[in-house]
Amino acid sequence: MGILISVITITLLVLCYVRMYNRLKRLFVKVQEGSAGIDVALEKRYDMLMCEERRKVSGRTLPALINLIRSAMRETAISSLSLKHR
C-alpha cells in the first residue's frame, strides 16, 4: 500500500512539473513574439520616417542640406553633453 501511494505521489509531482514547465515555455514564446512584433512596428515606423525625410530633402539645394546636417550634428552634440552632466 505504501509503495502505491509513493508511486502515485511521484507521478503527480512529475505531472505538475511537466505542466508548469510547458506553461513557462508557452509564456516565454508569447513574450518573444510580442517583442518581435514591437521590433517590426518600430522598423516600419523608422522606414516611413526615413522615406518622408528623403522626400523633404530631395527638393533642397546642397547648401540647405549642409546646413541641415550641421544643425543635426549640433543638436546631437548638445543632447549628448546634457546627458553626460546628469
N, C-alpha and C. Protein backbone atom coordinates (compact mmCIF):
# COMPACT_ATOMS: atom_id res chain seq x y z
N MET A 1 0.82 -1.19 0.00
CA MET A 1 0.00 0.00 0.00
C MET A 1 0.86 1.26 0.00
N GLY A 2 1.94 1.23 0.80
CA GLY A 2 2.84 2.39 0.89
C GLY A 2 3.54 2.66 -0.44
N ILE A 3 3.89 1.56 -1.16
CA ILE A 3 4.55 1.72 -2.45
C ILE A 3 3.59 2.37 -3.45
N LEU A 4 2.34 1.97 -3.43
CA LEU A 4 1.34 2.53 -4.33
C LEU A 4 1.16 4.03 -4.09
N ILE A 5 1.12 4.43 -2.84
CA ILE A 5 0.97 5.85 -2.50
C ILE A 5 2.19 6.64 -2.96
N SER A 6 3.39 6.10 -2.76
CA SER A 6 4.60 6.81 -3.18
C SER A 6 4.69 6.90 -4.70
N VAL A 7 4.27 5.86 -5.43
CA VAL A 7 4.28 5.90 -6.90
C VAL A 7 3.29 6.95 -7.40
N ILE A 8 2.10 6.99 -6.79
CA ILE A 8 1.10 7.98 -7.18
C ILE A 8 1.61 9.39 -6.88
N THR A 9 2.24 9.58 -5.74
CA THR A 9 2.76 10.89 -5.37
C THR A 9 3.85 11.35 -6.34
N ILE A 10 4.78 10.45 -6.65
CA ILE A 10 5.85 10.79 -7.59
C ILE A 10 5.27 11.10 -8.97
N THR A 11 4.29 10.32 -9.39
CA THR A 11 3.65 10.54 -10.69
C THR A 11 2.98 11.92 -10.72
N LEU A 12 2.27 12.26 -9.65
CA LEU A 12 1.62 13.57 -9.59
C LEU A 12 2.63 14.71 -9.60
N LEU A 13 3.74 14.54 -8.88
CA LEU A 13 4.78 15.56 -8.87
C LEU A 13 5.40 15.75 -10.26
N VAL A 14 5.65 14.64 -10.94
CA VAL A 14 6.21 14.73 -12.30
C VAL A 14 5.22 15.41 -13.24
N LEU A 15 3.94 15.07 -13.14
CA LEU A 15 2.93 15.71 -13.99
C LEU A 15 2.82 17.21 -13.71
N CYS A 16 2.86 17.59 -12.44
CA CYS A 16 2.82 19.02 -12.09
C CYS A 16 4.05 19.75 -12.65
N TYR A 17 5.21 19.13 -12.55
CA TYR A 17 6.44 19.73 -13.08
C TYR A 17 6.33 19.92 -14.59
N VAL A 18 5.85 18.91 -15.31
CA VAL A 18 5.72 19.00 -16.76
C VAL A 18 4.74 20.09 -17.15
N ARG A 19 3.62 20.18 -16.44
CA ARG A 19 2.62 21.22 -16.74
C ARG A 19 3.19 22.61 -16.51
N MET A 20 3.89 22.80 -15.39
CA MET A 20 4.47 24.12 -15.10
C MET A 20 5.55 24.48 -16.12
N TYR A 21 6.37 23.50 -16.49
CA TYR A 21 7.44 23.74 -17.47
C TYR A 21 6.83 24.13 -18.81
N ASN A 22 5.80 23.42 -19.25
CA ASN A 22 5.15 23.74 -20.52
C ASN A 22 4.50 25.12 -20.49
N ARG A 23 3.91 25.46 -19.37
CA ARG A 23 3.27 26.78 -19.24
C ARG A 23 4.32 27.88 -19.31
N LEU A 24 5.44 27.70 -18.63
CA LEU A 24 6.51 28.69 -18.68
C LEU A 24 7.08 28.83 -20.08
N LYS A 25 7.25 27.74 -20.78
CA LYS A 25 7.75 27.79 -22.16
C LYS A 25 6.77 28.53 -23.06
N ARG A 26 5.47 28.27 -22.89
CA ARG A 26 4.45 28.94 -23.69
C ARG A 26 4.46 30.44 -23.44
N LEU A 27 4.57 30.83 -22.17
CA LEU A 27 4.63 32.24 -21.82
C LEU A 27 5.89 32.90 -22.38
N PHE A 28 7.00 32.19 -22.35
CA PHE A 28 8.25 32.70 -22.91
C PHE A 28 8.11 32.95 -24.41
N VAL A 29 7.47 32.03 -25.11
CA VAL A 29 7.26 32.19 -26.55
C VAL A 29 6.36 33.39 -26.83
N LYS A 30 5.33 33.59 -26.00
CA LYS A 30 4.45 34.75 -26.17
C LYS A 30 5.20 36.05 -25.99
N VAL A 31 6.09 36.09 -25.01
CA VAL A 31 6.89 37.30 -24.79
C VAL A 31 7.80 37.55 -25.99
N GLN A 32 8.43 36.51 -26.50
CA GLN A 32 9.30 36.65 -27.66
C GLN A 32 8.52 37.15 -28.88
N GLU A 33 7.34 36.59 -29.09
CA GLU A 33 6.51 37.02 -30.22
C GLU A 33 6.08 38.47 -30.06
N GLY A 34 5.75 38.87 -28.83
CA GLY A 34 5.36 40.25 -28.58
C GLY A 34 6.47 41.23 -28.87
N SER A 35 7.68 40.91 -28.41
CA SER A 35 8.79 41.82 -28.67
C SER A 35 9.18 41.81 -30.15
N ALA A 36 8.98 40.69 -30.83
CA ALA A 36 9.24 40.66 -32.27
C ALA A 36 8.26 41.56 -33.00
N GLY A 37 7.00 41.56 -32.56
CA GLY A 37 6.00 42.42 -33.17
C GLY A 37 6.33 43.89 -32.96
N ILE A 38 6.84 44.21 -31.78
CA ILE A 38 7.23 45.59 -31.50
C ILE A 38 8.40 45.99 -32.38
N ASP A 39 9.37 45.09 -32.55
CA ASP A 39 10.52 45.38 -33.41
C ASP A 39 10.07 45.66 -34.84
N VAL A 40 9.14 44.86 -35.34
CA VAL A 40 8.64 45.06 -36.71
C VAL A 40 7.94 46.41 -36.82
N ALA A 41 7.13 46.75 -35.84
CA ALA A 41 6.42 48.04 -35.87
C ALA A 41 7.41 49.20 -35.84
N LEU A 42 8.44 49.09 -35.02
CA LEU A 42 9.43 50.15 -34.94
C LEU A 42 10.21 50.28 -36.24
N GLU A 43 10.54 49.16 -36.87
CA GLU A 43 11.25 49.21 -38.15
C GLU A 43 10.39 49.86 -39.23
N LYS A 44 9.11 49.51 -39.26
CA LYS A 44 8.21 50.12 -40.24
C LYS A 44 8.12 51.62 -40.02
N ARG A 45 8.00 52.02 -38.76
CA ARG A 45 7.91 53.45 -38.45
C ARG A 45 9.19 54.17 -38.86
N TYR A 46 10.34 53.56 -38.58
CA TYR A 46 11.62 54.15 -38.96
C TYR A 46 11.71 54.30 -40.47
N ASP A 47 11.34 53.23 -41.20
CA ASP A 47 11.38 53.29 -42.65
C ASP A 47 10.46 54.38 -43.19
N MET A 48 9.27 54.51 -42.60
CA MET A 48 8.34 55.52 -43.04
C MET A 48 8.90 56.92 -42.80
N LEU A 49 9.50 57.14 -41.63
CA LEU A 49 10.09 58.44 -41.33
C LEU A 49 11.25 58.76 -42.26
N MET A 50 12.05 57.75 -42.55
CA MET A 50 13.19 57.98 -43.46
C MET A 50 12.70 58.32 -44.86
N CYS A 51 11.64 57.67 -45.32
CA CYS A 51 11.10 57.99 -46.65
C CYS A 51 10.57 59.41 -46.68
N GLU A 52 9.88 59.83 -45.62
CA GLU A 52 9.38 61.20 -45.55
C GLU A 52 10.54 62.18 -45.56
N GLU A 53 11.58 61.89 -44.81
CA GLU A 53 12.73 62.79 -44.75
C GLU A 53 13.43 62.87 -46.10
N ARG A 54 13.54 61.74 -46.80
CA ARG A 54 14.15 61.74 -48.14
C ARG A 54 13.34 62.60 -49.10
N ARG A 55 12.00 62.51 -49.00
CA ARG A 55 11.15 63.32 -49.87
C ARG A 55 11.35 64.80 -49.59
N LYS A 56 11.46 65.15 -48.31
CA LYS A 56 11.67 66.55 -47.95
C LYS A 56 13.02 67.04 -48.45
N VAL A 57 14.05 66.19 -48.30
CA VAL A 57 15.41 66.59 -48.65
C VAL A 57 15.61 66.65 -50.16
N SER A 58 14.89 65.84 -50.90
CA SER A 58 15.14 65.76 -52.34
C SER A 58 14.90 67.08 -53.07
N GLY A 59 14.05 67.95 -52.53
CA GLY A 59 13.79 69.22 -53.19
C GLY A 59 14.72 70.34 -52.75
N ARG A 60 15.63 70.08 -51.84
CA ARG A 60 16.50 71.13 -51.31
C ARG A 60 17.81 71.22 -52.10
N THR A 61 18.46 72.33 -51.94
CA THR A 61 19.75 72.53 -52.60
C THR A 61 20.86 72.03 -51.70
N LEU A 62 22.07 71.97 -52.23
CA LEU A 62 23.22 71.47 -51.49
C LEU A 62 23.53 72.31 -50.25
N PRO A 63 23.56 73.64 -50.33
CA PRO A 63 23.83 74.41 -49.10
C PRO A 63 22.77 74.18 -48.02
N ALA A 64 21.53 74.02 -48.43
CA ALA A 64 20.48 73.76 -47.45
C ALA A 64 20.71 72.41 -46.78
N LEU A 65 21.14 71.42 -47.54
CA LEU A 65 21.44 70.10 -46.96
C LEU A 65 22.60 70.18 -45.98
N ILE A 66 23.62 70.93 -46.34
CA ILE A 66 24.78 71.07 -45.45
C ILE A 66 24.35 71.73 -44.14
N ASN A 67 23.55 72.77 -44.22
CA ASN A 67 23.05 73.42 -43.00
C ASN A 67 22.20 72.48 -42.17
N LEU A 68 21.38 71.66 -42.83
CA LEU A 68 20.56 70.69 -42.12
C LEU A 68 21.42 69.70 -41.36
N ILE A 69 22.46 69.21 -41.99
CA ILE A 69 23.35 68.23 -41.36
C ILE A 69 24.10 68.88 -40.20
N ARG A 70 24.58 70.08 -40.39
CA ARG A 70 25.30 70.78 -39.31
C ARG A 70 24.39 71.01 -38.10
N SER A 71 23.17 71.42 -38.35
CA SER A 71 22.27 71.66 -37.22
C SER A 71 21.93 70.36 -36.50
N ALA A 72 21.78 69.29 -37.25
CA ALA A 72 21.52 67.99 -36.62
C ALA A 72 22.71 67.55 -35.78
N MET A 73 23.91 67.80 -36.28
CA MET A 73 25.11 67.43 -35.52
C MET A 73 25.22 68.26 -34.25
N ARG A 74 24.88 69.55 -34.33
CA ARG A 74 24.91 70.40 -33.15
C ARG A 74 23.90 69.92 -32.11
N GLU A 75 22.70 69.61 -32.56
CA GLU A 75 21.66 69.13 -31.63
C GLU A 75 22.09 67.84 -30.95
N THR A 76 22.71 66.95 -31.72
CA THR A 76 23.17 65.68 -31.17
C THR A 76 24.26 65.92 -30.13
N ALA A 77 25.19 66.81 -30.45
CA ALA A 77 26.29 67.12 -29.51
C ALA A 77 25.74 67.74 -28.24
N ILE A 78 24.79 68.66 -28.37
CA ILE A 78 24.22 69.31 -27.20
C ILE A 78 23.46 68.31 -26.34
N SER A 79 22.67 67.45 -26.97
CA SER A 79 21.91 66.47 -26.18
C SER A 79 22.82 65.46 -25.51
N SER A 80 23.92 65.07 -26.18
CA SER A 80 24.83 64.11 -25.55
C SER A 80 25.57 64.76 -24.39
N LEU A 81 25.91 66.05 -24.50
CA LEU A 81 26.56 66.73 -23.39
C LEU A 81 25.62 66.87 -22.21
N SER A 82 24.37 67.18 -22.47
CA SER A 82 23.43 67.34 -21.36
C SER A 82 23.17 66.01 -20.67
N LEU A 83 23.21 64.92 -21.42
CA LEU A 83 23.02 63.60 -20.80
C LEU A 83 24.21 63.22 -19.93
N LYS A 84 25.42 63.63 -20.35
CA LYS A 84 26.61 63.28 -19.58
C LYS A 84 26.66 64.02 -18.24
N HIS A 85 26.10 65.22 -18.19
CA HIS A 85 26.16 66.01 -16.98
C HIS A 85 25.10 65.63 -15.96
N ARG A 86 24.18 64.78 -16.32
CA ARG A 86 23.11 64.39 -15.39
C ARG A 86 23.57 63.38 -14.40
